[in-house]
Amino acid sequence: MTDRRRVEQRHRALIEHSSDLTTVLDTDGRFQYVSPSAERLLGFPPSYFEDDDAFQLVLEDDRGRLLEEFERVLSDASYRSRFEFRLRDADDDVRVFEAIGRNLLTNPFVEGIVVNSWDITDRKRREQELQRTNERLEEFASLLSHDLRNPLAVARGNVELAREGETEALAKVDDAHQRIERLIEDVLVLARDGRSVEETTTVDLDSVATEAWSNVRTADASLTVVDTVTFSADRDRLARLFENLFRNAVEHGSTSPDSQAQEDAVEHGSTSQERSGVSVRVGVLSDRRSSADSRITGFFVEDDGPGIPEEHRDDVFEYGYSSSPDGTGFGLAIVRRITEAHGWSLSLDEGPDGGTRFAFGELERRSDLTASTD
């Protein structure tokens, strides 16, 4: 074997066993060569790309920019292009790649545009998560600086009164301190539960909802789990999601002495109706066509309370939204954050009894409808 042949085989072996994706394009942007790593990185064998237009595989939003880079590489053999692009793998998931392109059309052993690409999807995900975290920190700092001033001012004023002998002012100081504590707890939950869910377990809707209900001061309200399903979720965060929804329903839909919102609906933004206790229902969402043929799409939580006016339904998920001086305004913001962290969808509508209905979709299904009590 000649030295030249040995070098060629060595280079080929390096390319074929590289973790990066190496491709060669002709002047029309069609694949002339795709390295075997394509199957590991994208789930497609190299033959899948044979003579295909490379730019048609790239997501449309990235296509124009890449075509401009390609034209520049074609026109300037000394230009070394560095760029990012997105495409879908065999599972239809979007993958992000960083790449370097070089014009080797005049090289007799290549005669094409060589593009070396490497997968940066995980890095991009971490960067986006860091950006979201920084944005949340800025929001938290702004909210805390605003929301803590009022209870601190109340506490400071009543401390002065207590020093003058008005002992009743101490109760107001205690209330102010409790409000500060609730604010801090809610902000900590937002900071922790807003992170993307990385590890999940199989959870049962009925079990988690019932457990969450037991952790809430429910007064004379009632919970009915209509039916159940198992799916993948972070159990602790899912429980907190239910707790915040239940607390919101009970506090804003009951006139019980145990309710913390007898007159004002803190996050519902409306007046409580005269009732002995709100009824809360939890159940499964499905595109049921027949009893034997149904597909689970998500779950819902609804109540028969006063409901949320349509014009306020977008606002209630914002940080600090509250119409009551006693509410932190973080409850439904926490619900939204936990939903986003799971990658689920969330919608808010009027319930069948005029109350509020929260619907959560795009769950990863683990089993069919398992029970019905309705």
Protein backbone atom coordinates (compact mmCIF):
# COMPACT_ATOMS: atom_id res chain seq x y z
CA MET A 1 0.00 0.00 0.00
CA THR A 2 1.39 3.38 -0.99
CA ASP A 3 1.79 6.20 1.49
CA ARG A 4 -0.80 8.23 -0.39
CA ARG A 5 -3.33 5.41 -0.22
CA ARG A 6 -2.64 4.95 3.48
CA VAL A 7 -3.23 8.66 4.16
CA GLU A 8 -6.50 8.57 2.19
CA GLN A 9 -7.77 5.60 4.18
CA ARG A 10 -6.75 7.24 7.44
CA HIS A 11 -8.65 10.42 6.59
CA ARG A 12 -11.71 8.43 5.54
CA ALA A 13 -11.64 6.44 8.78
CA LEU A 14 -11.41 9.64 10.82
CA ILE A 15 -14.40 11.15 9.02
CA GLU A 16 -16.53 8.03 9.22
CA HIS A 17 -15.94 7.63 12.96
CA SER A 18 -16.17 11.31 13.83
CA SER A 19 -18.89 12.51 16.19
CA ASP A 20 -19.42 15.49 13.88
CA LEU A 21 -21.47 15.49 10.70
CA THR A 22 -19.42 15.95 7.53
CA THR A 23 -21.18 16.72 4.25
CA VAL A 24 -20.06 17.70 0.76
CA LEU A 25 -22.36 19.82 -1.44
CA ASP A 26 -22.18 20.58 -5.14
CA THR A 27 -22.60 24.09 -6.57
CA ASP A 28 -26.41 23.65 -6.53
CA GLY A 29 -26.42 22.85 -2.81
CA ARG A 30 -27.15 19.15 -3.27
CA PHE A 31 -25.57 16.46 -1.13
CA GLN A 32 -22.68 14.61 -2.75
CA TYR A 33 -21.50 12.98 0.47
CA VAL A 34 -22.93 12.54 3.98
CA SER A 35 -20.87 10.92 6.74
CA PRO A 36 -22.20 7.87 8.65
CA SER A 37 -22.60 9.99 11.80
CA ALA A 38 -25.86 11.29 10.26
CA GLU A 39 -27.62 8.16 11.46
CA ARG A 40 -26.50 8.69 15.05
CA LEU A 41 -27.15 12.43 15.07
CA LEU A 42 -30.38 12.55 13.06
CA GLY A 43 -31.67 9.01 12.80
CA PHE A 44 -31.30 8.92 9.00
CA PRO A 45 -28.79 6.77 7.07
CA PRO A 46 -26.47 8.64 4.66
CA SER A 47 -28.41 7.22 1.71
CA TYR A 48 -31.48 9.17 2.86
CA PHE A 49 -29.79 12.44 1.81
CA GLU A 50 -28.45 11.26 -1.55
CA ASP A 51 -28.64 14.07 -4.13
CA ASP A 52 -31.17 15.98 -1.97
CA ASP A 53 -31.28 19.77 -1.80
CA ALA A 54 -29.59 20.52 1.53
CA PHE A 55 -31.46 23.78 2.03
CA GLN A 56 -34.88 22.13 1.83
CA LEU A 57 -34.04 20.12 4.97
CA VAL A 58 -33.26 23.25 6.97
CA LEU A 59 -36.10 25.02 8.82
CA GLU A 60 -37.60 27.71 6.64
CA ASP A 61 -36.67 30.57 8.99
CA ASP A 62 -32.97 29.69 8.61
CA ARG A 63 -32.99 29.00 4.88
CA GLY A 64 -32.51 32.53 3.50
CA ARG A 65 -29.53 33.29 5.74
CA LEU A 66 -27.83 29.99 4.83
CA LEU A 67 -28.34 30.57 1.12
CA GLU A 68 -26.57 33.92 1.46
CA GLU A 69 -23.65 32.24 3.22
CA PHE A 70 -23.55 29.51 0.57
CA GLU A 71 -23.39 32.05 -2.25
CA ARG A 72 -20.54 33.86 -0.51
CA VAL A 73 -18.58 30.61 -0.08
CA LEU A 74 -19.10 29.82 -3.77
CA SER A 75 -17.84 33.22 -4.88
CA ASP A 76 -14.85 33.43 -2.52
CA ALA A 77 -12.73 30.29 -2.14
CA SER A 78 -10.80 31.87 0.74
CA TYR A 79 -13.94 32.59 2.79
CA ARG A 80 -14.58 30.29 5.75
CA SER A 81 -18.21 30.47 6.76
CA ARG A 82 -19.39 29.80 10.32
CA PHE A 83 -23.13 29.56 10.94
CA GLU A 84 -25.95 27.87 12.84
CA PHE A 85 -29.00 26.11 11.45
CA ARG A 86 -31.94 23.99 12.57
CA LEU A 87 -33.49 20.88 11.08
CA ARG A 88 -35.76 18.04 12.15
CA ASP A 89 -34.49 14.57 12.98
CA ALA A 90 -36.19 11.24 12.34
CA ASP A 91 -38.35 11.73 15.46
CA ASP A 92 -39.47 15.14 14.14
CA ASP A 93 -37.58 16.90 16.94
CA VAL A 94 -35.76 20.12 16.10
CA ARG A 95 -31.97 19.86 16.38
CA VAL A 96 -29.62 22.86 16.34
CA PHE A 97 -26.23 22.62 14.62
CA GLU A 98 -23.22 24.87 14.38
CA ALA A 99 -21.15 24.47 11.22
CA ILE A 100 -18.15 25.62 9.23
CA GLY A 101 -18.27 25.67 5.43
CA ARG A 102 -15.32 25.82 3.03
CA ASN A 103 -14.99 25.96 -0.74
CA LEU A 104 -12.89 22.99 -1.93
CA LEU A 105 -14.27 22.87 -5.46
CA THR A 106 -10.76 23.08 -6.93
CA ASN A 107 -9.44 20.27 -4.74
CA PRO A 108 -9.39 17.19 -7.03
CA PHE A 109 -10.08 14.86 -4.10
CA VAL A 110 -13.18 16.79 -2.95
CA GLU A 111 -14.60 19.01 -5.71
CA GLY A 112 -17.32 20.42 -3.51
CA ILE A 113 -18.34 22.63 -0.60
CA VAL A 114 -17.36 20.89 2.64
CA VAL A 115 -19.56 21.52 5.68
CA ASN A 116 -18.53 20.22 9.10
CA SER A 117 -21.43 20.39 11.60
CA TRP A 118 -21.83 19.54 15.27
CA ASP A 119 -24.94 19.28 17.40
CA ILE A 120 -25.36 22.17 19.86
CA THR A 121 -29.00 21.51 20.78
CA ASP A 122 -28.26 20.87 24.47
CA ARG A 123 -26.01 23.93 24.67
CA LYS A 124 -28.70 26.11 23.11
CA ARG A 125 -31.27 24.73 25.52
CA ARG A 126 -29.04 25.58 28.48
CA GLU A 127 -28.42 29.07 27.11
CA GLN A 128 -32.14 29.68 26.69
CA GLU A 129 -32.83 28.34 30.18
CA LEU A 130 -30.17 30.67 31.60
CA GLN A 131 -31.70 33.59 29.73
CA ARG A 132 -35.17 32.75 31.09
CA THR A 133 -33.71 32.44 34.58
CA ASN A 134 -32.08 35.85 34.31
CA GLU A 135 -35.33 37.36 33.06
CA ARG A 136 -37.21 35.79 35.99
CA LEU A 137 -34.64 37.13 38.44
CA GLU A 138 -35.12 40.63 37.05
CA GLU A 139 -38.89 40.26 37.35
CA PHE A 140 -38.62 38.90 40.89
CA ALA A 141 -36.31 41.71 41.97
CA SER A 142 -38.69 44.31 40.57
CA LEU A 143 -41.74 42.71 42.16
CA LEU A 144 -40.13 42.18 45.53
CA SER A 145 -38.84 45.72 45.71
CA HIS A 146 -42.39 46.93 45.04
CA ASP A 147 -44.48 44.39 46.99
CA LEU A 148 -42.32 44.31 50.12
CA ARG A 149 -42.38 48.06 50.62
CA ASN A 150 -46.03 48.17 51.67
CA PRO A 151 -45.95 45.50 54.44
CA LEU A 152 -42.61 46.85 55.65
CA ALA A 153 -44.11 50.34 55.89
CA VAL A 154 -47.11 48.92 57.77
CA ALA A 155 -44.84 47.05 60.17
CA ARG A 156 -42.62 50.07 60.73
CA GLY A 157 -45.57 52.36 61.45
CA ASN A 158 -47.19 49.94 63.88
CA VAL A 159 -43.92 49.30 65.71
CA GLU A 160 -43.86 53.01 66.50
CA LEU A 161 -47.45 52.81 67.77
CA ALA A 162 -46.57 49.79 69.90
CA ARG A 163 -43.71 51.73 71.44
CA GLU A 164 -46.24 54.37 72.42
CA GLY A 165 -48.26 51.74 74.26
CA GLU A 166 -50.81 50.67 71.62
CA THR A 167 -50.37 46.90 71.96
CA GLU A 168 -53.06 46.17 69.34
CA ALA A 169 -50.60 47.45 66.76
CA LEU A 170 -48.45 44.37 67.38
CA ALA A 171 -51.09 42.21 65.66
CA LYS A 172 -50.79 44.36 62.55
CA VAL A 173 -47.01 43.98 62.68
CA ASP A 174 -47.46 40.22 62.81
CA ASP A 175 -49.83 40.32 59.82
CA ALA A 176 -47.31 42.35 57.85
CA HIS A 177 -44.55 39.89 58.68
CA GLN A 178 -46.73 36.96 57.61
CA ARG A 179 -47.43 38.67 54.29
CA ILE A 180 -43.70 39.20 53.74
CA GLU A 181 -43.12 35.52 54.51
CA ARG A 182 -45.81 34.46 51.99
CA LEU A 183 -44.25 36.69 49.34
CA ILE A 184 -40.81 35.20 49.90
CA GLU A 185 -42.16 31.64 49.81
CA ASP A 186 -44.04 32.27 46.57
CA VAL A 187 -41.03 33.86 44.90
CA LEU A 188 -38.85 30.90 45.91
CA VAL A 189 -41.40 28.51 44.40
CA LEU A 190 -41.45 30.54 41.19
CA ALA A 191 -37.66 30.51 40.98
CA ARG A 192 -37.39 26.75 41.57
CA ASP A 193 -40.42 25.49 39.70
CA GLY A 194 -39.84 27.65 36.64
CA ARG A 195 -36.85 25.54 35.61
CA SER A 196 -37.47 23.03 32.83
CA VAL A 197 -38.49 19.59 34.07
CA GLU A 198 -35.61 17.18 33.45
CA GLU A 199 -36.68 14.14 35.49
CA THR A 200 -40.23 12.79 35.63
CA THR A 201 -42.05 9.85 37.13
CA THR A 202 -45.31 8.19 36.19
CA VAL A 203 -48.04 9.91 38.21
CA ASP A 204 -51.72 9.20 38.71
CA LEU A 205 -54.02 12.20 38.30
CA ASP A 206 -56.43 11.12 41.05
CA SER A 207 -53.66 10.38 43.55
CA VAL A 208 -51.81 13.68 43.10
CA ALA A 209 -54.99 15.79 43.07
CA THR A 210 -56.34 14.14 46.23
CA GLU A 211 -53.01 14.57 48.02
CA ALA A 212 -52.86 18.24 47.02
CA TRP A 213 -56.42 18.81 48.24
CA SER A 214 -55.44 17.54 51.69
CA ASN A 215 -52.72 20.22 51.87
CA VAL A 216 -55.14 23.12 51.31
CA ARG A 217 -57.52 24.77 53.79
CA THR A 218 -60.67 23.69 51.97
CA ALA A 219 -63.28 24.87 54.51
CA ASP A 220 -66.61 23.38 53.32
CA ALA A 221 -65.58 23.11 49.68
CA SER A 222 -65.69 19.75 47.92
CA LEU A 223 -63.46 17.93 45.43
CA THR A 224 -64.60 15.40 42.85
CA VAL A 225 -62.10 13.53 40.68
CA VAL A 226 -64.27 12.55 37.74
CA ASP A 227 -61.80 10.18 36.09
CA THR A 228 -58.08 9.58 36.08
CA VAL A 229 -55.10 8.81 33.91
CA THR A 230 -51.38 8.18 34.41
CA PHE A 231 -48.77 10.30 32.67
CA SER A 232 -45.22 11.60 33.08
CA ALA A 233 -44.63 14.62 35.33
CA ASP A 234 -42.58 16.00 38.18
CA ARG A 235 -44.85 14.84 41.00
CA ASP A 236 -43.88 17.53 43.51
CA ARG A 237 -44.38 20.36 41.04
CA LEU A 238 -47.65 18.89 39.79
CA ALA A 239 -48.88 18.75 43.40
CA ARG A 240 -48.00 22.44 43.86
CA LEU A 241 -49.86 23.25 40.64
CA PHE A 242 -53.00 21.60 42.04
CA GLU A 243 -52.56 23.23 45.45
CA ASN A 244 -52.45 26.69 43.91
CA LEU A 245 -55.49 26.00 41.73
CA PHE A 246 -57.44 24.56 44.65
CA ARG A 247 -56.46 27.42 46.94
CA ASN A 248 -57.49 29.90 44.27
CA ALA A 249 -60.88 28.20 43.83
CA VAL A 250 -61.61 27.78 47.55
CA GLU A 251 -60.50 31.24 48.66
CA HIS A 252 -62.33 33.03 45.87
CA GLY A 253 -65.46 30.95 45.64
CA SER A 254 -66.47 30.46 49.27
CA THR A 255 -68.03 32.65 51.96
CA SER A 256 -66.93 30.33 54.74
CA PRO A 257 -65.31 32.01 57.77
CA ASP A 258 -62.21 29.93 56.99
CA SER A 259 -61.87 31.53 53.59
CA GLN A 260 -59.18 34.16 53.24
CA ALA A 261 -61.16 35.97 50.55
CA GLN A 262 -64.70 36.36 51.77
CA GLU A 263 -65.43 39.50 49.80
CA ASP A 264 -62.86 39.89 47.05
CA ALA A 265 -61.72 37.34 44.51
CA VAL A 266 -58.01 37.95 44.73
CA GLU A 267 -56.92 36.45 41.44
CA HIS A 268 -60.38 35.88 40.03
CA GLY A 269 -60.94 39.61 40.15
CA SER A 270 -64.65 39.32 40.98
CA THR A 271 -66.99 39.24 43.96
CA SER A 272 -67.72 35.92 45.68
CA GLN A 273 -71.23 34.57 45.39
CA GLU A 274 -73.29 33.61 48.39
CA ARG A 275 -72.71 29.88 48.78
CA SER A 276 -71.79 27.41 51.47
CA GLY A 277 -68.73 26.14 49.62
CA VAL A 278 -67.30 25.88 46.15
CA SER A 279 -67.30 22.58 44.26
CA VAL A 280 -64.09 21.65 42.43
CA ARG A 281 -63.86 18.98 39.75
CA VAL A 282 -60.76 17.35 38.27
CA GLY A 283 -60.91 15.16 35.20
CA VAL A 284 -59.36 13.95 31.99
CA LEU A 285 -59.54 15.67 28.61
CA SER A 286 -59.92 13.40 25.60
CA ASP A 287 -61.08 13.48 22.01
CA ARG A 288 -63.46 10.66 22.82
CA ARG A 289 -65.17 9.33 19.73
CA SER A 290 -66.58 6.24 21.40
CA SER A 291 -66.15 4.44 24.70
CA ALA A 292 -63.71 2.05 23.04
CA ASP A 293 -61.81 4.63 21.01
CA SER A 294 -60.48 7.68 22.84
CA ARG A 295 -57.21 9.55 23.05
CA ILE A 296 -56.12 11.30 26.22
CA THR A 297 -55.12 14.90 25.53
CA GLY A 298 -54.76 16.35 29.04
CA PHE A 299 -56.63 17.16 32.25
CA PHE A 300 -58.80 19.95 33.63
CA VAL A 301 -59.56 21.65 36.94
CA GLU A 302 -62.87 23.52 37.15
CA ASP A 303 -65.05 25.05 39.83
CA ASP A 304 -68.53 26.53 40.18
CA GLY A 305 -67.30 29.75 41.77
CA PRO A 306 -67.78 33.31 40.48
CA GLY A 307 -65.46 32.80 37.52
CA ILE A 308 -62.97 35.15 35.91
CA PRO A 309 -64.20 37.92 33.60
CA GLU A 310 -62.99 37.33 30.06
CA GLU A 311 -61.13 40.64 29.94
CA HIS A 312 -58.96 39.57 32.92
CA ARG A 313 -58.14 36.00 31.87
CA ASP A 314 -54.76 36.87 30.39
CA ASP A 315 -53.83 39.13 33.31
CA VAL A 316 -54.35 36.60 36.11
CA PHE A 317 -51.20 34.66 35.14
CA GLU A 318 -48.98 37.73 35.45
CA TYR A 319 -46.72 38.20 38.46
CA GLY A 320 -48.33 40.20 41.21
CA TYR A 321 -51.82 40.34 39.69
CA SER A 322 -54.26 40.71 42.56
CA SER A 323 -57.31 42.79 43.40
CA SER A 324 -56.95 42.20 47.13
CA PRO A 325 -54.39 43.65 49.52
CA ASP A 326 -54.13 40.21 51.17
CA GLY A 327 -53.13 38.28 48.06
CA THR A 328 -49.55 37.87 46.86
CA GLY A 329 -50.67 37.60 43.23
CA PHE A 330 -48.24 34.75 42.60
CA GLY A 331 -50.58 31.73 42.78
CA LEU A 332 -51.59 31.51 39.13
CA ALA A 333 -48.18 32.73 37.99
CA ILE A 334 -46.79 29.63 39.72
CA VAL A 335 -49.35 27.49 37.87
CA ARG A 336 -48.24 28.98 34.57
CA ARG A 337 -44.55 28.46 35.35
CA ILE A 338 -45.02 24.81 36.31
CA THR A 339 -47.04 24.23 33.14
CA GLU A 340 -44.35 25.80 30.97
CA ALA A 341 -41.62 23.84 32.75
CA HIS A 342 -43.38 20.61 31.72
CA GLY A 343 -43.92 21.80 28.16
CA TRP A 344 -47.71 21.56 28.49
CA SER A 345 -50.32 23.92 27.11
CA LEU A 346 -52.65 25.92 29.38
CA SER A 347 -55.99 27.52 28.64
CA LEU A 348 -58.49 29.34 30.84
CA ASP A 349 -62.21 29.46 30.07
CA GLU A 350 -65.58 29.61 31.74
CA GLY A 351 -66.63 26.34 33.34
CA PRO A 352 -69.94 24.55 32.65
CA ASP A 353 -71.39 25.96 35.90
CA GLY A 354 -70.19 29.50 35.26
CA GLY A 355 -66.99 29.16 37.25
CA THR A 356 -63.43 28.79 36.08
CA ARG A 357 -62.00 25.97 33.98
CA PHE A 358 -58.24 25.44 33.58
CA ALA A 359 -57.29 22.97 30.84
CA PHE A 360 -53.82 21.43 30.52
CA GLY A 361 -52.86 19.73 27.26
CA GLU A 362 -50.00 18.13 25.36
CA LEU A 363 -49.20 15.62 28.10
CA GLU A 364 -47.11 12.57 27.33
CA ARG A 365 -49.71 9.83 27.57
CA ARG A 366 -48.83 6.74 29.66
CA SER A 367 -52.10 4.84 29.64
CA ASP A 368 -55.72 4.96 28.57
CA LEU A 369 -58.55 6.28 30.70
CA THR A 370 -58.42 4.04 33.76
CA ALA A 371 -61.48 4.88 35.79
CA SER A 372 -64.69 6.88 35.80
CA THR A 373 -66.76 7.88 38.78
CA ASP A 374 -69.23 10.11 36.95
